[in-house]
C-alpha cells in the first residue's frame, strides 16, 4: 500500500463550515448519536455512520505514515 499523506492533507475539506464537512464526510448525527462517556469534546456518531465510515487500519499497513 502506498498512500500519499501530504496530498490527502492538502486536499482535505477546509472545515470552515459545517456544511462543507457534512458534504465531504456525511452527517454523523443520527439515531444513536450523542455525547461520549469520555465527556468534553468527545462525540459518539450514529451507529449507521460509524459502520459506513470508521475502519481500523494496523499501523504496519501504513509504511509512509508520518512519525
PDB file of N, CA and C in Angstrom:
ATOM      1  N   UNK A   1       0.860  -1.179   0.000  1.00  0.00           N
ATOM      2  CA  UNK A   1       0.000   0.000   0.000  1.00  0.00           C
ATOM      3  C   UNK A   1       0.897   1.229   0.000  1.00  0.00           C
ATOM      4  N   UNK A   2       0.619   2.155  -0.887  1.00  0.00           N
ATOM      5  CA  UNK A   2       1.396   3.374  -0.949  1.00  0.00           C
ATOM      6  C   UNK A   2       0.425   4.548  -0.954  1.00  0.00           C
ATOM      7  N   UNK A   3       0.332   5.230   0.155  1.00  0.00           N
ATOM      8  CA  UNK A   3      -0.640   6.315   0.329  1.00  0.00           C
ATOM      9  C   UNK A   3       0.108   7.621   0.480  1.00  0.00           C
ATOM     10  N   UNK A   4      -0.283   8.627  -0.276  1.00  0.00           N
ATOM     11  CA  UNK A   4       0.374   9.932  -0.226  1.00  0.00           C
ATOM     12  C   UNK A   4      -0.328  10.818   0.806  1.00  0.00           C
ATOM     13  N   UNK A   5       0.181  10.806   2.028  1.00  0.00           N
ATOM     14  CA  UNK A   5      -0.428  11.570   3.109  1.00  0.00           C
ATOM     15  C   UNK A   5      -0.391  13.065   2.844  1.00  0.00           C
ATOM     16  N   UNK A   6       0.685  13.565   2.267  1.00  0.00           N
ATOM     17  CA  UNK A   6       0.806  15.001   2.000  1.00  0.00           C
ATOM     18  C   UNK A   6      -0.312  15.469   1.062  1.00  0.00           C
ATOM     19  N   UNK A   7      -0.587  14.694   0.018  1.00  0.00           N
ATOM     20  CA  UNK A   7      -1.661  15.050  -0.912  1.00  0.00           C
ATOM     21  C   UNK A   7      -3.014  14.977  -0.226  1.00  0.00           C
ATOM     22  N   UNK A   8      -3.233  13.948   0.562  1.00  0.00           N
ATOM     23  CA  UNK A   8      -4.508  13.804   1.273  1.00  0.00           C
ATOM     24  C   UNK A   8      -4.736  14.981   2.220  1.00  0.00           C
ATOM     25  N   UNK A   9      -3.700  15.408   2.896  1.00  0.00           N
ATOM     26  CA  UNK A   9      -3.830  16.540   3.819  1.00  0.00           C
ATOM     27  C   UNK A   9      -4.115  17.830   3.048  1.00  0.00           C
ATOM     28  N   UNK A  10      -3.438  18.028   1.927  1.00  0.00           N
ATOM     29  CA  UNK A  10      -3.681  19.235   1.110  1.00  0.00           C
ATOM     30  C   UNK A  10      -5.107  19.263   0.576  1.00  0.00           C
ATOM     31  N   UNK A  11      -5.678  18.092   0.255  1.00  0.00           N
ATOM     32  CA  UNK A  11      -6.995  18.022  -0.377  1.00  0.00           C
ATOM     33  C   UNK A  11      -8.153  17.884   0.598  1.00  0.00           C
ATOM     34  N   UNK A  12      -7.878  17.859   1.889  1.00  0.00           N
ATOM     35  CA  UNK A  12      -8.960  17.702   2.855  1.00  0.00           C
ATOM     36  C   UNK A  12      -9.850  18.953   2.860  1.00  0.00           C
ATOM     37  N   UNK A  13     -11.124  18.788   3.244  1.00  0.00           N
ATOM     38  CA  UNK A  13     -12.022  19.940   3.312  1.00  0.00           C
ATOM     39  C   UNK A  13     -11.500  20.958   4.324  1.00  0.00           C
ATOM     40  N   UNK A  14     -11.791  22.221   4.058  1.00  0.00           N
ATOM     41  CA  UNK A  14     -11.287  23.283   4.933  1.00  0.00           C
ATOM     42  C   UNK A  14     -11.928  23.236   6.309  1.00  0.00           C
ATOM     43  N   UNK A  15     -13.166  22.771   6.392  1.00  0.00           N
ATOM     44  CA  UNK A  15     -13.853  22.745   7.673  1.00  0.00           C
ATOM     45  C   UNK A  15     -14.328  24.119   8.105  1.00  0.00           C
ATOM     46  N   UNK A  16     -14.311  25.070   7.171  1.00  0.00           N
ATOM     47  CA  UNK A  16     -14.737  26.419   7.521  1.00  0.00           C
ATOM     48  C   UNK A  16     -16.229  26.474   7.829  1.00  0.00           C
ATOM     49  N   UNK A  17     -16.969  25.535   7.280  1.00  0.00           N
ATOM     50  CA  UNK A  17     -18.395  25.475   7.593  1.00  0.00           C
ATOM     51  C   UNK A  17     -18.784  24.028   7.880  1.00  0.00           C
ATOM     52  N   UNK A  18     -19.795  23.862   8.686  1.00  0.00           N
ATOM     53  CA  UNK A  18     -20.312  22.524   8.962  1.00  0.00           C
ATOM     54  C   UNK A  18     -20.803  21.882   7.674  1.00  0.00           C
ATOM     55  N   UNK A  19     -21.417  22.677   6.806  1.00  0.00           N
ATOM     56  CA  UNK A  19     -21.940  22.149   5.550  1.00  0.00           C
ATOM     57  C   UNK A  19     -20.830  21.545   4.692  1.00  0.00           C
ATOM     58  N   UNK A  20     -19.644  22.166   4.685  1.00  0.00           N
ATOM     59  CA  UNK A  20     -18.523  21.627   3.903  1.00  0.00           C
ATOM     60  C   UNK A  20     -18.083  20.275   4.447  1.00  0.00           C
ATOM     61  N   UNK A  21     -18.041  20.153   5.760  1.00  0.00           N
ATOM     62  CA  UNK A  21     -17.642  18.880   6.361  1.00  0.00           C
ATOM     63  C   UNK A  21     -18.688  17.799   6.141  1.00  0.00           C
ATOM     64  N   UNK A  22     -19.957  18.149   6.279  1.00  0.00           N
ATOM     65  CA  UNK A  22     -21.031  17.172   6.059  1.00  0.00           C
ATOM     66  C   UNK A  22     -21.046  16.733   4.598  1.00  0.00           C
ATOM     67  N   UNK A  23     -20.790  17.669   3.673  1.00  0.00           N
ATOM     68  CA  UNK A  23     -20.746  17.311   2.253  1.00  0.00           C
ATOM     69  C   UNK A  23     -19.619  16.328   1.967  1.00  0.00           C
ATOM     70  N   UNK A  24     -18.486  16.483   2.634  1.00  0.00           N
ATOM     71  CA  UNK A  24     -17.332  15.611   2.388  1.00  0.00           C
ATOM     72  C   UNK A  24     -17.423  14.282   3.109  1.00  0.00           C
ATOM     73  N   UNK A  25     -17.908  14.295   4.343  1.00  0.00           N
ATOM     74  CA  UNK A  25     -17.836  13.103   5.189  1.00  0.00           C
ATOM     75  C   UNK A  25     -19.179  12.500   5.573  1.00  0.00           C
ATOM     76  N   UNK A  26     -20.268  13.157   5.255  1.00  0.00           N
ATOM     77  CA  UNK A  26     -21.576  12.698   5.697  1.00  0.00           C
ATOM     78  C   UNK A  26     -21.894  13.276   7.065  1.00  0.00           C
ATOM     79  N   UNK A  27     -23.115  13.095   7.495  1.00  0.00           N
ATOM     80  CA  UNK A  27     -23.564  13.655   8.764  1.00  0.00           C
ATOM     81  C   UNK A  27     -23.552  12.576   9.840  1.00  0.00           C
ATOM     82  N   UNK A  28     -22.661  12.697  10.829  1.00  0.00           N
ATOM     83  CA  UNK A  28     -22.586  11.666  11.868  1.00  0.00           C
ATOM     84  C   UNK A  28     -23.714  11.733  12.879  1.00  0.00           C
ATOM     85  N   UNK A  29     -24.523  12.794  12.801  1.00  0.00           N
ATOM     86  CA  UNK A  29     -25.636  12.916  13.740  1.00  0.00           C
ATOM     87  C   UNK A  29     -26.836  12.178  13.183  1.00  0.00           C
ATOM     88  N   UNK A  30     -27.330  11.266  13.925  1.00  0.00           N
ATOM     89  CA  UNK A  30     -28.478  10.481  13.516  1.00  0.00           C
ATOM     90  C   UNK A  30     -28.921   9.658  14.708  1.00  0.00           C
ATOM     91  N   UNK A  31     -29.824   8.717  14.522  1.00  0.00           N
ATOM     92  CA  UNK A  31     -30.275   7.897  15.647  1.00  0.00           C
ATOM     93  C   UNK A  31     -29.106   7.234  16.372  1.00  0.00           C
ATOM     94  N   UNK A  32     -29.036   7.417  17.654  1.00  0.00           N
ATOM     95  CA  UNK A  32     -27.984   6.820  18.461  1.00  0.00           C
ATOM     96  C   UNK A  32     -26.773   7.702  18.670  1.00  0.00           C
ATOM     97  N   UNK A  33     -26.706   8.856  17.994  1.00  0.00           N
ATOM     98  CA  UNK A  33     -25.569   9.768  18.164  1.00  0.00           C
ATOM     99  C   UNK A  33     -25.734  10.549  19.458  1.00  0.00           C
ATOM    100  N   UNK A  34     -24.614  11.022  19.982  1.00  0.00           N
ATOM    101  CA  UNK A  34     -24.702  11.852  21.178  1.00  0.00           C
ATOM    102  C   UNK A  34     -23.375  12.005  21.876  1.00  0.00           C
ATOM    103  N   UNK A  35     -23.446  12.523  23.079  1.00  0.00           N
ATOM    104  CA  UNK A  35     -22.244  12.760  23.873  1.00  0.00           C
ATOM    105  C   UNK A  35     -21.575  11.438  24.228  1.00  0.00           C
ATOM    106  N   UNK A  36     -20.275  11.480  24.313  1.00  0.00           N
ATOM    107  CA  UNK A  36     -19.497  10.299  24.668  1.00  0.00           C
ATOM    108  C   UNK A  36     -19.332  10.206  26.176  1.00  0.00           C
ATOM    109  N   UNK A  37     -19.187   9.004  26.695  1.00  0.00           N
ATOM    110  CA  UNK A  37     -18.929   8.854  28.130  1.00  0.00           C
ATOM    111  C   UNK A  37     -17.640   9.551  28.566  1.00  0.00           C
ATOM    112  N   UNK A  38     -16.689   9.792  27.620  1.00  0.00           N
ATOM    113  CA  UNK A  38     -15.450  10.474  27.959  1.00  0.00           C
ATOM    114  C   UNK A  38     -15.696  11.950  28.266  1.00  0.00           C
ATOM    115  N   UNK A  39     -16.829  12.474  27.800  1.00  0.00           N
ATOM    116  CA  UNK A  39     -17.153  13.875  28.033  1.00  0.00           C
ATOM    117  C   UNK A  39     -16.299  14.805  27.192  1.00  0.00           C
ATOM    118  N   UNK A  40     -16.329  16.066  27.538  1.00  0.00           N
ATOM    119  CA  UNK A  40     -15.532  17.056  26.810  1.00  0.00           C
ATOM    120  C   UNK A  40     -15.929  17.133  25.353  1.00  0.00           C
ATOM    121  N   UNK A  41     -14.938  17.167  24.479  1.00  0.00           N
ATOM    122  CA  UNK A  41     -15.173  17.306  23.048  1.00  0.00           C
ATOM    123  C   UNK A  41     -15.460  15.965  22.372  1.00  0.00           C
ATOM    124  N   UNK A  42     -15.448  14.874  23.110  1.00  0.00           N
ATOM    125  CA  UNK A  42     -15.710  13.570  22.518  1.00  0.00           C
ATOM    126  C   UNK A  42     -17.160  13.470  22.084  1.00  0.00           C
ATOM    127  N   UNK A  43     -17.408  12.710  21.016  1.00  0.00           N
ATOM    128  CA  UNK A  43     -18.732  12.570  20.443  1.00  0.00           C
ATOM    129  C   UNK A  43     -18.882  11.157  19.904  1.00  0.00           C
ATOM    130  N   UNK A  44     -20.007  10.531  20.136  1.00  0.00           N
ATOM    131  CA  UNK A  44     -20.312   9.226  19.552  1.00  0.00           C
ATOM    132  C   UNK A  44     -21.186   9.428  18.320  1.00  0.00           C
ATOM    133  N   UNK A  45     -20.686   9.097  17.124  1.00  0.00           N
ATOM    134  CA  UNK A  45     -21.523   9.217  15.930  1.00  0.00           C
ATOM    135  C   UNK A  45     -22.611   8.153  15.936  1.00  0.00           C
ATOM    136  N   UNK A  46     -23.575   8.319  15.055  1.00  0.00           N
ATOM    137  CA  UNK A  46     -24.644   7.331  14.970  1.00  0.00           C
ATOM    138  C   UNK A  46     -24.048   5.984  14.557  1.00  0.00           C
ATOM    139  N   UNK A  47     -24.644   4.892  15.009  1.00  0.00           N
ATOM    140  CA  UNK A  47     -24.129   3.562  14.641  1.00  0.00           C
ATOM    141  C   UNK A  47     -24.065   3.348  13.123  1.00  0.00           C
ATOM    142  N   UNK A  48     -25.060   3.843  12.389  1.00  0.00           N
ATOM    143  CA  UNK A  48     -25.052   3.659  10.929  1.00  0.00           C
ATOM    144  C   UNK A  48     -23.878   4.399  10.292  1.00  0.00           C
ATOM    145  N   UNK A  49     -23.608   5.641  10.736  1.00  0.00           N
ATOM    146  CA  UNK A  49     -22.482   6.407  10.191  1.00  0.00           C
ATOM    147  C   UNK A  49     -21.170   5.734  10.561  1.00  0.00           C
ATOM    148  N   UNK A  50     -21.063   5.284  11.799  1.00  0.00           N
ATOM    149  CA  UNK A  50     -19.842   4.610  12.257  1.00  0.00           C
ATOM    150  C   UNK A  50     -19.559   3.385  11.389  1.00  0.00           C
ATOM    151  N   UNK A  51     -20.575   2.558  11.135  1.00  0.00           N
ATOM    152  CA  UNK A  51     -20.390   1.342  10.342  1.00  0.00           C
ATOM    153  C   UNK A  51     -19.960   1.671   8.915  1.00  0.00           C
ATOM    154  N   UNK A  52     -20.483   2.751   8.364  1.00  0.00           N
ATOM    155  CA  UNK A  52     -20.177   3.114   6.981  1.00  0.00           C
ATOM    156  C   UNK A  52     -18.824   3.821   6.837  1.00  0.00           C
ATOM    157  N   UNK A  53     -18.345   4.518   7.887  1.00  0.00           N
ATOM    158  CA  UNK A  53     -17.194   5.398   7.723  1.00  0.00           C
ATOM    159  C   UNK A  53     -15.968   5.106   8.570  1.00  0.00           C
ATOM    160  N   UNK A  54     -16.087   4.351   9.639  1.00  0.00           N
ATOM    161  CA  UNK A  54     -14.956   4.129  10.527  1.00  0.00           C
ATOM    162  C   UNK A  54     -14.346   2.756  10.264  1.00  0.00           C
ATOM    163  N   UNK A  55     -13.045   2.738  10.050  1.00  0.00           N
ATOM    164  CA  UNK A  55     -12.325   1.489   9.842  1.00  0.00           C
ATOM    165  C   UNK A  55     -11.099   1.465  10.753  1.00  0.00           C
ATOM    166  N   UNK A  56     -10.608   0.283  11.029  1.00  0.00           N
ATOM    167  CA  UNK A  56      -9.380   0.117  11.792  1.00  0.00           C
ATOM    168  C   UNK A  56      -8.287  -0.336  10.834  1.00  0.00           C
ATOM    169  N   UNK A  57      -7.176   0.381  10.845  1.00  0.00           N
ATOM    170  CA  UNK A  57      -6.054   0.045   9.977  1.00  0.00           C
ATOM    171  C   UNK A  57      -4.821  -0.125  10.855  1.00  0.00           C
ATOM    172  N   UNK A  58      -4.203  -1.310  10.837  1.00  0.00           N
ATOM    173  CA  UNK A  58      -2.985  -1.502  11.621  1.00  0.00           C
ATOM    174  C   UNK A  58      -1.879  -0.559  11.131  1.00  0.00           C
ATOM    175  N   UNK A  59      -1.114   0.007  12.042  1.00  0.00           N
ATOM    176  CA  UNK A  59      -0.033   0.916  11.660  1.00  0.00           C
ATOM    177  C   UNK A  59       0.956   0.253  10.712  1.00  0.00           C
ATOM    178  N   UNK A  60       1.131  -1.055  10.822  1.00  0.00           N
ATOM    179  CA  UNK A  60       2.038  -1.767   9.928  1.00  0.00           C
ATOM    180  C   UNK A  60       1.601  -1.657   8.468  1.00  0.00           C
ATOM    181  N   UNK A  61       0.310  -1.395   8.228  1.00  0.00           N
ATOM    182  CA  UNK A  61      -0.201  -1.244   6.866  1.00  0.00           C
ATOM    183  C   UNK A  61      -0.008   0.172   6.332  1.00  0.00           C
ATOM    184  N   UNK A  62       0.570   1.055   7.130  1.00  0.00           N
ATOM    185  CA  UNK A  62       0.786   2.448   6.742  1.00  0.00           C
ATOM    186  C   UNK A  62       2.278   2.788   6.789  1.00  0.00           C
ATOM    187  N   UNK A  63       3.061   2.207   5.893  1.00  0.00           N
ATOM    188  CA  UNK A  63       4.514   2.367   5.979  1.00  0.00           C
ATOM    189  C   UNK A  63       4.986   3.811   5.818  1.00  0.00           C
ATOM    190  N   UNK A  64       4.239   4.659   5.121  1.00  0.00           N
ATOM    191  CA  UNK A  64       4.654   6.041   4.925  1.00  0.00           C
ATOM    192  C   UNK A  64       3.987   6.995   5.893  1.00  0.00           C
ATOM    193  N   UNK A  65       3.316   6.450   6.910  1.00  0.00           N
ATOM    194  CA  UNK A  65       2.626   7.296   7.887  1.00  0.00           C
ATOM    195  C   UNK A  65       3.648   8.162   8.608  1.00  0.00           C
ATOM    196  N   UNK A  66       3.375   9.476   8.721  1.00  0.00           N
ATOM    197  CA  UNK A  66       4.335  10.352   9.415  1.00  0.00           C
ATOM    198  C   UNK A  66       4.556   9.893  10.841  1.00  0.00           C
ATOM    199  N   UNK A  67       5.790   9.982  11.293  1.00  0.00           N
ATOM    200  CA  UNK A  67       6.106   9.581  12.663  1.00  0.00           C
ATOM    201  C   UNK A  67       5.642  10.631  13.635  1.00  0.00           C
TER     202      UNK A  67
END
